[in-house]
Amino acid sequence: MNVHVDLCVVPMGVGVSVSRYIVACQDILDDFEVTHTLHAYGTNIEGDYDTVFKAIKACHEKIHAMGAPRITTSIKLGTRVDRNQTLADKVESVETKRKNLL
């Protein structure tokens, strides 16, 4: 089963800037070969349910290994079994409807 996830990982106890931890997590998502798009407050991920959650676990393990004593993570997720739909499909659907209203 595929899953769409909006992930926000926040290392705690590491100072104000967390970009190096986010870079490490993006590299892990590349390694797991899941589709992902970084945005200002997190990352959208899509892929096989088990693979995505293994990747998220690997992100936590890496960030702790980099010295973060705590991590707080917010996850929003959705699954769909009636048809295949990508995150890009969802965005395109809204953009198309919006154009038709103008």
PDB file of N, CA and C in Angstrom:
ATOM      1  N   MET A   1       0.850  -1.178   0.000  1.00  0.00           N
ATOM      2  CA  MET A   1       0.000   0.000   0.000  1.00  0.00           C
ATOM      3  C   MET A   1       0.893   1.238   0.000  1.00  0.00           C
ATOM      4  N   ASN A   2       0.540   2.211  -0.823  1.00  0.00           N
ATOM      5  CA  ASN A   2       1.269   3.470  -0.858  1.00  0.00           C
ATOM      6  C   ASN A   2       0.723   4.440   0.173  1.00  0.00           C
ATOM      7  N   VAL A   3       1.578   5.362   0.589  1.00  0.00           N
ATOM      8  CA  VAL A   3       1.201   6.356   1.573  1.00  0.00           C
ATOM      9  C   VAL A   3       1.742   7.712   1.131  1.00  0.00           C
ATOM     10  N   HIS A   4       0.992   8.755   1.467  1.00  0.00           N
ATOM     11  CA  HIS A   4       1.435  10.135   1.311  1.00  0.00           C
ATOM     12  C   HIS A   4       1.645  10.672   2.717  1.00  0.00           C
ATOM     13  N   VAL A   5       2.815  11.259   2.965  1.00  0.00           N
ATOM     14  CA  VAL A   5       3.160  11.748   4.297  1.00  0.00           C
ATOM     15  C   VAL A   5       3.641  13.190   4.200  1.00  0.00           C
ATOM     16  N   ASP A   6       3.182  14.015   5.133  1.00  0.00           N
ATOM     17  CA  ASP A   6       3.745  15.341   5.341  1.00  0.00           C
ATOM     18  C   ASP A   6       4.527  15.234   6.638  1.00  0.00           C
ATOM     19  N   LEU A   7       5.849  15.334   6.552  1.00  0.00           N
ATOM     20  CA  LEU A   7       6.752  15.076   7.675  1.00  0.00           C
ATOM     21  C   LEU A   7       7.441  16.360   8.098  1.00  0.00           C
ATOM     22  N   CYS A   8       7.451  16.620   9.403  1.00  0.00           N
ATOM     23  CA  CYS A   8       8.198  17.738   9.959  1.00  0.00           C
ATOM     24  C   CYS A   8       9.006  17.204  11.143  1.00  0.00           C
ATOM     25  N   VAL A   9      10.318  17.138  10.958  1.00  0.00           N
ATOM     26  CA  VAL A   9      11.232  16.627  11.982  1.00  0.00           C
ATOM     27  C   VAL A   9      11.966  17.820  12.585  1.00  0.00           C
ATOM     28  N   VAL A  10      11.903  17.963  13.912  1.00  0.00           N
ATOM     29  CA  VAL A  10      12.543  19.088  14.585  1.00  0.00           C
ATOM     30  C   VAL A  10      13.504  18.570  15.652  1.00  0.00           C
ATOM     31  N   PRO A  11      14.816  18.619  15.362  1.00  0.00           N
ATOM     32  CA  PRO A  11      15.790  18.251  16.392  1.00  0.00           C
ATOM     33  C   PRO A  11      15.746  19.285  17.514  1.00  0.00           C
ATOM     34  N   MET A  12      15.856  18.816  18.744  1.00  0.00           N
ATOM     35  CA  MET A  12      15.815  19.720  19.896  1.00  0.00           C
ATOM     36  C   MET A  12      17.146  19.649  20.640  1.00  0.00           C
ATOM     37  N   GLY A  13      17.522  20.768  21.233  1.00  0.00           N
ATOM     38  CA  GLY A  13      18.751  20.816  22.004  1.00  0.00           C
ATOM     39  C   GLY A  13      19.996  20.965  21.149  1.00  0.00           C
ATOM     40  N   VAL A  14      19.809  21.489  19.914  1.00  0.00           N
ATOM     41  CA  VAL A  14      20.944  21.612  18.995  1.00  0.00           C
ATOM     42  C   VAL A  14      21.160  23.055  18.528  1.00  0.00           C
ATOM     43  N   GLY A  15      20.461  23.988  19.112  1.00  0.00           N
ATOM     44  CA  GLY A  15      20.580  25.379  18.692  1.00  0.00           C
ATOM     45  C   GLY A  15      19.454  25.771  17.756  1.00  0.00           C
ATOM     46  N   VAL A  16      19.575  26.966  17.216  1.00  0.00           N
ATOM     47  CA  VAL A  16      18.503  27.542  16.409  1.00  0.00           C
ATOM     48  C   VAL A  16      18.458  26.951  15.003  1.00  0.00           C
ATOM     49  N   SER A  17      19.599  26.798  14.364  1.00  0.00           N
ATOM     50  CA  SER A  17      19.627  26.295  13.001  1.00  0.00           C
ATOM     51  C   SER A  17      19.602  24.766  12.993  1.00  0.00           C
ATOM     52  N   VAL A  18      18.705  24.203  12.195  1.00  0.00           N
ATOM     53  CA  VAL A  18      18.603  22.736  12.109  1.00  0.00           C
ATOM     54  C   VAL A  18      18.813  22.236  10.680  1.00  0.00           C
ATOM     55  N   SER A  19      19.258  23.108   9.793  1.00  0.00           N
ATOM     56  CA  SER A  19      19.341  22.743   8.382  1.00  0.00           C
ATOM     57  C   SER A  19      20.272  21.558   8.124  1.00  0.00           C
ATOM     58  N   ARG A  20      21.362  21.429   8.865  1.00  0.00           N
ATOM     59  CA  ARG A  20      22.261  20.294   8.602  1.00  0.00           C
ATOM     60  C   ARG A  20      21.588  18.964   8.914  1.00  0.00           C
ATOM     61  N   TYR A  21      20.673  18.952   9.860  1.00  0.00           N
ATOM     62  CA  TYR A  21      19.928  17.740  10.188  1.00  0.00           C
ATOM     63  C   TYR A  21      18.900  17.421   9.097  1.00  0.00           C
ATOM     64  N   ILE A  22      18.308  18.457   8.559  1.00  0.00           N
ATOM     65  CA  ILE A  22      17.336  18.276   7.479  1.00  0.00           C
ATOM     66  C   ILE A  22      18.041  17.765   6.222  1.00  0.00           C
ATOM     67  N   VAL A  23      19.223  18.288   5.954  1.00  0.00           N
ATOM     68  CA  VAL A  23      20.019  17.790   4.823  1.00  0.00           C
ATOM     69  C   VAL A  23      20.279  16.293   4.990  1.00  0.00           C
ATOM     70  N   ALA A  24      20.659  15.886   6.186  1.00  0.00           N
ATOM     71  CA  ALA A  24      20.933  14.466   6.448  1.00  0.00           C
ATOM     72  C   ALA A  24      19.685  13.619   6.201  1.00  0.00           C
ATOM     73  N   CYS A  25      18.535  14.124   6.626  1.00  0.00           N
ATOM     74  CA  CYS A  25      17.285  13.389   6.428  1.00  0.00           C
ATOM     75  C   CYS A  25      16.922  13.323   4.941  1.00  0.00           C
ATOM     76  N   GLN A  26      17.141  14.404   4.203  1.00  0.00           N
ATOM     77  CA  GLN A  26      16.868  14.386   2.764  1.00  0.00           C
ATOM     78  C   GLN A  26      17.743  13.345   2.067  1.00  0.00           C
ATOM     79  N   ASP A  27      19.004  13.239   2.496  1.00  0.00           N
ATOM     80  CA  ASP A  27      19.903  12.228   1.923  1.00  0.00           C
ATOM     81  C   ASP A  27      19.387  10.817   2.201  1.00  0.00           C
ATOM     82  N   ILE A  28      18.859  10.603   3.387  1.00  0.00           N
ATOM     83  CA  ILE A  28      18.297   9.289   3.736  1.00  0.00           C
ATOM     84  C   ILE A  28      17.090   8.979   2.858  1.00  0.00           C
ATOM     85  N   LEU A  29      16.226   9.957   2.646  1.00  0.00           N
ATOM     86  CA  LEU A  29      15.063   9.741   1.781  1.00  0.00           C
ATOM     87  C   LEU A  29      15.505   9.388   0.368  1.00  0.00           C
ATOM     88  N   ASP A  30      16.582  10.016  -0.112  1.00  0.00           N
ATOM     89  CA  ASP A  30      17.150   9.645  -1.414  1.00  0.00           C
ATOM     90  C   ASP A  30      17.607   8.189  -1.397  1.00  0.00           C
ATOM     91  N   ASP A  31      18.289   7.795  -0.321  1.00  0.00           N
ATOM     92  CA  ASP A  31      18.799   6.423  -0.212  1.00  0.00           C
ATOM     93  C   ASP A  31      17.672   5.395  -0.248  1.00  0.00           C
ATOM     94  N   PHE A  32      16.530   5.732   0.356  1.00  0.00           N
ATOM     95  CA  PHE A  32      15.391   4.818   0.385  1.00  0.00           C
ATOM     96  C   PHE A  32      14.575   4.878  -0.905  1.00  0.00           C
ATOM     97  N   GLU A  33      14.951   5.774  -1.801  1.00  0.00           N
ATOM     98  CA  GLU A  33      14.309   5.906  -3.112  1.00  0.00           C
ATOM     99  C   GLU A  33      12.799   6.138  -3.023  1.00  0.00           C
ATOM    100  N   VAL A  34      12.409   6.966  -2.054  1.00  0.00           N
ATOM    101  CA  VAL A  34      11.010   7.395  -1.979  1.00  0.00           C
ATOM    102  C   VAL A  34      10.928   8.784  -2.611  1.00  0.00           C
ATOM    103  N   THR A  35       9.794   9.079  -3.215  1.00  0.00           N
ATOM    104  CA  THR A  35       9.594  10.399  -3.800  1.00  0.00           C
ATOM    105  C   THR A  35       9.395  11.388  -2.667  1.00  0.00           C
ATOM    106  N   HIS A  36      10.126  12.495  -2.712  1.00  0.00           N
ATOM    107  CA  HIS A  36       9.985  13.487  -1.642  1.00  0.00           C
ATOM    108  C   HIS A  36      10.245  14.891  -2.160  1.00  0.00           C
ATOM    109  N   THR A  37       9.559  15.841  -1.550  1.00  0.00           N
ATOM    110  CA  THR A  37       9.701  17.250  -1.911  1.00  0.00           C
ATOM    111  C   THR A  37       9.805  18.065  -0.631  1.00  0.00           C
ATOM    112  N   LEU A  38      10.917  18.757  -0.494  1.00  0.00           N
ATOM    113  CA  LEU A  38      11.125  19.640   0.647  1.00  0.00           C
ATOM    114  C   LEU A  38      10.278  20.889   0.488  1.00  0.00           C
ATOM    115  N   HIS A  39       9.676  21.346   1.580  1.00  0.00           N
ATOM    116  CA  HIS A  39       8.999  22.637   1.575  1.00  0.00           C
ATOM    117  C   HIS A  39       9.429  23.398   2.823  1.00  0.00           C
ATOM    118  N   ALA A  40       8.946  24.594   3.011  1.00  0.00           N
ATOM    119  CA  ALA A  40       9.463  25.478   4.058  1.00  0.00           C
ATOM    120  C   ALA A  40       9.326  24.928   5.472  1.00  0.00           C
ATOM    121  N   TYR A  41       8.324  24.112   5.728  1.00  0.00           N
ATOM    122  CA  TYR A  41       8.091  23.604   7.075  1.00  0.00           C
ATOM    123  C   TYR A  41       8.035  22.089   7.139  1.00  0.00           C
ATOM    124  N   GLY A  42       8.713  21.416   6.211  1.00  0.00           N
ATOM    125  CA  GLY A  42       8.720  19.963   6.251  1.00  0.00           C
ATOM    126  C   GLY A  42       9.004  19.361   4.896  1.00  0.00           C
ATOM    127  N   THR A  43       8.605  18.113   4.754  1.00  0.00           N
ATOM    128  CA  THR A  43       8.851  17.362   3.532  1.00  0.00           C
ATOM    129  C   THR A  43       7.630  16.508   3.205  1.00  0.00           C
ATOM    130  N   ASN A  44       7.187  16.547   1.964  1.00  0.00           N
ATOM    131  CA  ASN A  44       6.155  15.632   1.485  1.00  0.00           C
ATOM    132  C   ASN A  44       6.848  14.389   0.963  1.00  0.00           C
ATOM    133  N   ILE A  45       6.346  13.224   1.349  1.00  0.00           N
ATOM    134  CA  ILE A  45       6.940  11.947   0.952  1.00  0.00           C
ATOM    135  C   ILE A  45       5.831  11.050   0.428  1.00  0.00           C
ATOM    136  N   GLU A  46       6.144  10.288  -0.622  1.00  0.00           N
ATOM    137  CA  GLU A  46       5.206   9.274  -1.081  1.00  0.00           C
ATOM    138  C   GLU A  46       5.970   8.018  -1.443  1.00  0.00           C
ATOM    139  N   GLY A  47       5.335   6.877  -1.181  1.00  0.00           N
ATOM    140  CA  GLY A  47       5.954   5.600  -1.497  1.00  0.00           C
ATOM    141  C   GLY A  47       5.278   4.472  -0.757  1.00  0.00           C
ATOM    142  N   ASP A  48       5.899   3.313  -0.823  1.00  0.00           N
ATOM    143  CA  ASP A  48       5.403   2.143  -0.104  1.00  0.00           C
ATOM    144  C   ASP A  48       5.365   2.440   1.397  1.00  0.00           C
ATOM    145  N   TYR A  49       4.254   2.096   2.034  1.00  0.00           N
ATOM    146  CA  TYR A  49       4.026   2.410   3.449  1.00  0.00           C
ATOM    147  C   TYR A  49       5.201   1.985   4.325  1.00  0.00           C
ATOM    148  N   ASP A  50       5.600   0.722   4.233  1.00  0.00           N
ATOM    149  CA  ASP A  50       6.671   0.220   5.090  1.00  0.00           C
ATOM    150  C   ASP A  50       8.000   0.905   4.790  1.00  0.00           C
ATOM    151  N   THR A  51       8.281   1.153   3.532  1.00  0.00           N
ATOM    152  CA  THR A  51       9.534   1.804   3.154  1.00  0.00           C
ATOM    153  C   THR A  51       9.588   3.230   3.683  1.00  0.00           C
ATOM    154  N   VAL A  52       8.493   3.962   3.552  1.00  0.00           N
ATOM    155  CA  VAL A  52       8.451   5.342   4.043  1.00  0.00           C
ATOM    156  C   VAL A  52       8.707   5.379   5.542  1.00  0.00           C
ATOM    157  N   PHE A  53       8.084   4.489   6.290  1.00  0.00           N
ATOM    158  CA  PHE A  53       8.276   4.526   7.743  1.00  0.00           C
ATOM    159  C   PHE A  53       9.648   4.012   8.167  1.00  0.00           C
ATOM    160  N   LYS A  54      10.245   3.126   7.394  1.00  0.00           N
ATOM    161  CA  LYS A  54      11.638   2.738   7.652  1.00  0.00           C
ATOM    162  C   LYS A  54      12.558   3.937   7.413  1.00  0.00           C
ATOM    163  N   ALA A  55      12.272   4.724   6.393  1.00  0.00           N
ATOM    164  CA  ALA A  55      13.068   5.913   6.101  1.00  0.00           C
ATOM    165  C   ALA A  55      12.938   6.946   7.216  1.00  0.00           C
ATOM    166  N   ILE A  56      11.724   7.135   7.719  1.00  0.00           N
ATOM    167  CA  ILE A  56      11.514   8.083   8.819  1.00  0.00           C
ATOM    168  C   ILE A  56      12.281   7.619  10.055  1.00  0.00           C
ATOM    169  N   LYS A  57      12.252   6.328  10.346  1.00  0.00           N
ATOM    170  CA  LYS A  57      13.019   5.793  11.477  1.00  0.00           C
ATOM    171  C   LYS A  57      14.512   6.045  11.266  1.00  0.00           C
ATOM    172  N   ALA A  58      14.995   5.821  10.050  1.00  0.00           N
ATOM    173  CA  ALA A  58      16.409   6.058   9.750  1.00  0.00           C
ATOM    174  C   ALA A  58      16.772   7.534   9.930  1.00  0.00           C
ATOM    175  N   CYS A  59      15.856   8.432   9.594  1.00  0.00           N
ATOM    176  CA  CYS A  59      16.091   9.863   9.825  1.00  0.00           C
ATOM    177  C   CYS A  59      16.281  10.134  11.313  1.00  0.00           C
ATOM    178  N   HIS A  60      15.407   9.575  12.129  1.00  0.00           N
ATOM    179  CA  HIS A  60      15.537   9.758  13.578  1.00  0.00           C
ATOM    180  C   HIS A  60      16.860   9.207  14.084  1.00  0.00           C
ATOM    181  N   GLU A  61      17.218   8.022  13.644  1.00  0.00           N
ATOM    182  CA  GLU A  61      18.470   7.408  14.096  1.00  0.00           C
ATOM    183  C   GLU A  61      19.670   8.269  13.708  1.00  0.00           C
ATOM    184  N   LYS A  62      19.679   8.786  12.482  1.00  0.00           N
ATOM    185  CA  LYS A  62      20.786   9.615  12.016  1.00  0.00           C
ATOM    186  C   LYS A  62      20.873  10.919  12.793  1.00  0.00           C
ATOM    187  N   ILE A  63      19.739  11.574  13.004  1.00  0.00           N
ATOM    188  CA  ILE A  63      19.733  12.856  13.708  1.00  0.00           C
ATOM    189  C   ILE A  63      20.201  12.673  15.148  1.00  0.00           C
ATOM    190  N   HIS A  64      19.792  11.596  15.803  1.00  0.00           N
ATOM    191  CA  HIS A  64      20.310  11.310  17.154  1.00  0.00           C
ATOM    192  C   HIS A  64      21.812  11.064  17.098  1.00  0.00           C
ATOM    193  N   ALA A  65      22.269  10.313  16.096  1.00  0.00           N
ATOM    194  CA  ALA A  65      23.705  10.025  15.956  1.00  0.00           C
ATOM    195  C   ALA A  65      24.513  11.305  15.710  1.00  0.00           C
ATOM    196  N   MET A  66      23.866  12.316  15.145  1.00  0.00           N
ATOM    197  CA  MET A  66      24.533  13.596  14.906  1.00  0.00           C
ATOM    198  C   MET A  66      24.579  14.464  16.166  1.00  0.00           C
ATOM    199  N   GLY A  67      23.986  13.983  17.247  1.00  0.00           N
ATOM    200  CA  GLY A  67      24.082  14.701  18.513  1.00  0.00           C
ATOM    201  C   GLY A  67      22.817  15.312  19.058  1.00  0.00           C
ATOM    202  N   ALA A  68      21.716  15.169  18.361  1.00  0.00           N
ATOM    203  CA  ALA A  68      20.458  15.724  18.877  1.00  0.00           C
ATOM    204  C   ALA A  68      19.925  14.822  19.991  1.00  0.00           C
ATOM    205  N   PRO A  69      19.781  15.349  21.208  1.00  0.00           N
ATOM    206  CA  PRO A  69      19.298  14.514  22.296  1.00  0.00           C
ATOM    207  C   PRO A  69      17.801  14.225  22.229  1.00  0.00           C
ATOM    208  N   ARG A  70      17.064  15.110  21.547  1.00  0.00           N
ATOM    209  CA  ARG A  70      15.610  14.936  21.427  1.00  0.00           C
ATOM    210  C   ARG A  70      15.176  15.323  20.019  1.00  0.00           C
ATOM    211  N   ILE A  71      14.080  14.708  19.593  1.00  0.00           N
ATOM    212  CA  ILE A  71      13.470  15.050  18.304  1.00  0.00           C
ATOM    213  C   ILE A  71      11.959  15.065  18.504  1.00  0.00           C
ATOM    214  N   THR A  72      11.328  16.085  17.979  1.00  0.00           N
ATOM    215  CA  THR A  72       9.870  16.079  17.927  1.00  0.00           C
ATOM    216  C   THR A  72       9.477  16.034  16.452  1.00  0.00           C
ATOM    217  N   THR A  73       8.550  15.160  16.134  1.00  0.00           N
ATOM    218  CA  THR A  73       8.154  14.959  14.747  1.00  0.00           C
ATOM    219  C   THR A  73       6.645  15.016  14.611  1.00  0.00           C
ATOM    220  N   SER A  74       6.201  15.738  13.599  1.00  0.00           N
ATOM    221  CA  SER A  74       4.782  15.770  13.247  1.00  0.00           C
ATOM    222  C   SER A  74       4.618  15.038  11.927  1.00  0.00           C
ATOM    223  N   ILE A  75       3.628  14.163  11.884  1.00  0.00           N
ATOM    224  CA  ILE A  75       3.349  13.403  10.669  1.00  0.00           C
ATOM    225  C   ILE A  75       1.858  13.490  10.364  1.00  0.00           C
ATOM    226  N   LYS A  76       1.561  13.884   9.128  1.00  0.00           N
ATOM    227  CA  LYS A  76       0.203  13.754   8.599  1.00  0.00           C
ATOM    228  C   LYS A  76       0.322  12.750   7.478  1.00  0.00           C
ATOM    229  N   LEU A  77      -0.596  11.797   7.412  1.00  0.00           N
ATOM    230  CA  LEU A  77      -0.496  10.802   6.347  1.00  0.00           C
ATOM    231  C   LEU A  77      -1.858  10.446   5.811  1.00  0.00           C
ATOM    232  N   GLY A  78      -1.807   9.979   4.582  1.00  0.00           N
ATOM    233  CA  GLY A  78      -3.031   9.515   3.943  1.00  0.00           C
ATOM    234  C   GLY A  78      -2.731   8.316   3.071  1.00  0.00           C
ATOM    235  N   THR A  79      -3.699   7.431   3.008  1.00  0.00           N
ATOM    236  CA  THR A  79      -3.615   6.282   2.110  1.00  0.00           C
ATOM    237  C   THR A  79      -4.879   6.247   1.271  1.00  0.00           C
ATOM    238  N   ARG A  80      -4.762   5.613   0.136  1.00  0.00           N
ATOM    239  CA  ARG A  80      -5.907   5.498  -0.763  1.00  0.00           C
ATOM    240  C   ARG A  80      -5.806   4.168  -1.484  1.00  0.00           C
ATOM    241  N   VAL A  81      -6.902   3.407  -1.518  1.00  0.00           N
ATOM    242  CA  VAL A  81      -6.872   2.104  -2.174  1.00  0.00           C
ATOM    243  C   VAL A  81      -7.819   2.008  -3.366  1.00  0.00           C
ATOM    244  N   ASP A  82      -8.621   3.059  -3.604  1.00  0.00           N
ATOM    245  CA  ASP A  82      -9.564   3.000  -4.714  1.00  0.00           C
ATOM    246  C   ASP A  82      -8.921   3.330  -6.056  1.00  0.00           C
ATOM    247  N   ARG A  83      -7.786   4.046  -6.044  1.00  0.00           N
ATOM    248  CA  ARG A  83      -7.052   4.336  -7.278  1.00  0.00           C
ATOM    249  C   ARG A  83      -5.662   4.839  -6.920  1.00  0.00           C
ATOM    250  N   ASN A  84      -4.769   4.779  -7.906  1.00  0.00           N
ATOM    251  CA  ASN A  84      -3.427   5.318  -7.725  1.00  0.00           C
ATOM    252  C   ASN A  84      -3.466   6.823  -7.922  1.00  0.00           C
ATOM    253  N   GLN A  85      -2.858   7.535  -6.989  1.00  0.00           N
ATOM    254  CA  GLN A  85      -2.808   8.988  -7.086  1.00  0.00           C
ATOM    255  C   GLN A  85      -1.511   9.459  -6.449  1.00  0.00           C
ATOM    256  N   THR A  86      -0.763  10.290  -7.149  1.00  0.00           N
ATOM    257  CA  THR A  86       0.472  10.836  -6.611  1.00  0.00           C
ATOM    258  C   THR A  86       0.200  12.186  -5.955  1.00  0.00           C
ATOM    259  N   LEU A  87       1.181  12.664  -5.217  1.00  0.00           N
ATOM    260  CA  LEU A  87       1.057  14.003  -4.653  1.00  0.00           C
ATOM    261  C   LEU A  87       0.951  15.038  -5.768  1.00  0.00           C
ATOM    262  N   ALA A  88       1.696  14.842  -6.837  1.00  0.00           N
ATOM    263  CA  ALA A  88       1.620  15.759  -7.982  1.00  0.00           C
ATOM    264  C   ALA A  88       0.218  15.760  -8.591  1.00  0.00           C
ATOM    265  N   ASP A  89      -0.420  14.585  -8.655  1.00  0.00           N
ATOM    266  CA  ASP A  89      -1.800  14.504  -9.155  1.00  0.00           C
ATOM    267  C   ASP A  89      -2.738  15.350  -8.303  1.00  0.00           C
ATOM    268  N   LYS A  90      -2.560  15.290  -6.999  1.00  0.00           N
ATOM    269  CA  LYS A  90      -3.428  16.038  -6.089  1.00  0.00           C
ATOM    270  C   LYS A  90      -3.275  17.541  -6.294  1.00  0.00           C
ATOM    271  N   VAL A  91      -2.044  18.003  -6.426  1.00  0.00           N
ATOM    272  CA  VAL A  91      -1.781  19.430  -6.649  1.00  0.00           C
ATOM    273  C   VAL A  91      -2.339  19.856  -8.004  1.00  0.00           C
ATOM    274  N   GLU A  92      -2.095  19.046  -9.025  1.00  0.00           N
ATOM    275  CA  GLU A  92      -2.584  19.365 -10.367  1.00  0.00           C
ATOM    276  C   GLU A  92      -4.108  19.470 -10.394  1.00  0.00           C
ATOM    277  N   SER A  93      -4.789  18.605  -9.671  1.00  0.00           N
ATOM    278  CA  SER A  93      -6.246  18.630  -9.624  1.00  0.00           C
ATOM    279  C   SER A  93      -6.752  19.968  -9.080  1.00  0.00           C
ATOM    280  N   VAL A  94      -6.147  20.440  -8.018  1.00  0.00           N
ATOM    281  CA  VAL A  94      -6.562  21.717  -7.428  1.00  0.00           C
ATOM    282  C   VAL A  94      -6.232  22.872  -8.369  1.00  0.00           C
ATOM    283  N   GLU A  95      -5.029  22.840  -8.952  1.00  0.00           N
ATOM    284  CA  GLU A  95      -4.638  23.925  -9.858  1.00  0.00           C
ATOM    285  C   GLU A  95      -5.548  23.979 -11.078  1.00  0.00           C
ATOM    286  N   THR A  96      -5.929  22.838 -11.619  1.00  0.00           N
ATOM    287  CA  THR A  96      -6.832  22.793 -12.769  1.00  0.00           C
ATOM    288  C   THR A  96      -8.193  23.365 -12.399  1.00  0.00           C
ATOM    289  N   LYS A  97      -8.720  22.961 -11.259  1.00  0.00           N
ATOM    290  CA  LYS A  97     -10.021  23.473 -10.819  1.00  0.00           C
ATOM    291  C   LYS A  97      -9.963  24.991 -10.588  1.00  0.00           C
ATOM    292  N   ARG A  98      -8.856  25.445 -10.039  1.00  0.00           N
ATOM    293  CA  ARG A  98      -8.706  26.862  -9.778  1.00  0.00           C
ATOM    294  C   ARG A  98      -8.686  27.657 -11.093  1.00  0.00           C
ATOM    295  N   LYS A  99      -7.962  27.170 -12.086  1.00  0.00           N
ATOM    296  CA  LYS A  99      -7.899  27.838 -13.389  1.00  0.00           C
ATOM    297  C   LYS A  99      -9.284  27.898 -14.030  1.00  0.00           C
ATOM    298  N   ASN A 100     -10.051  26.828 -13.870  1.00  0.00           N
ATOM    299  CA  ASN A 100     -11.388  26.792 -14.461  1.00  0.00           C
ATOM    300  C   ASN A 100     -12.342  27.756 -13.792  1.00  0.00           C
ATOM    301  N   LEU A 101     -12.056  28.160 -12.568  1.00  0.00           N
ATOM    302  CA  LEU A 101     -12.911  29.110 -11.860  1.00  0.00           C
ATOM    303  C   LEU A 101     -12.588  30.556 -12.218  1.00  0.00           C
ATOM    304  N   LEU A 102     -11.407  30.769 -12.762  1.00  0.00           N
ATOM    305  CA  LEU A 102     -11.001  32.149 -13.079  1.00  0.00           C
ATOM    306  C   LEU A 102     -11.579  32.647 -14.351  1.00  0.00           C
TER     307      LEU A 102
END
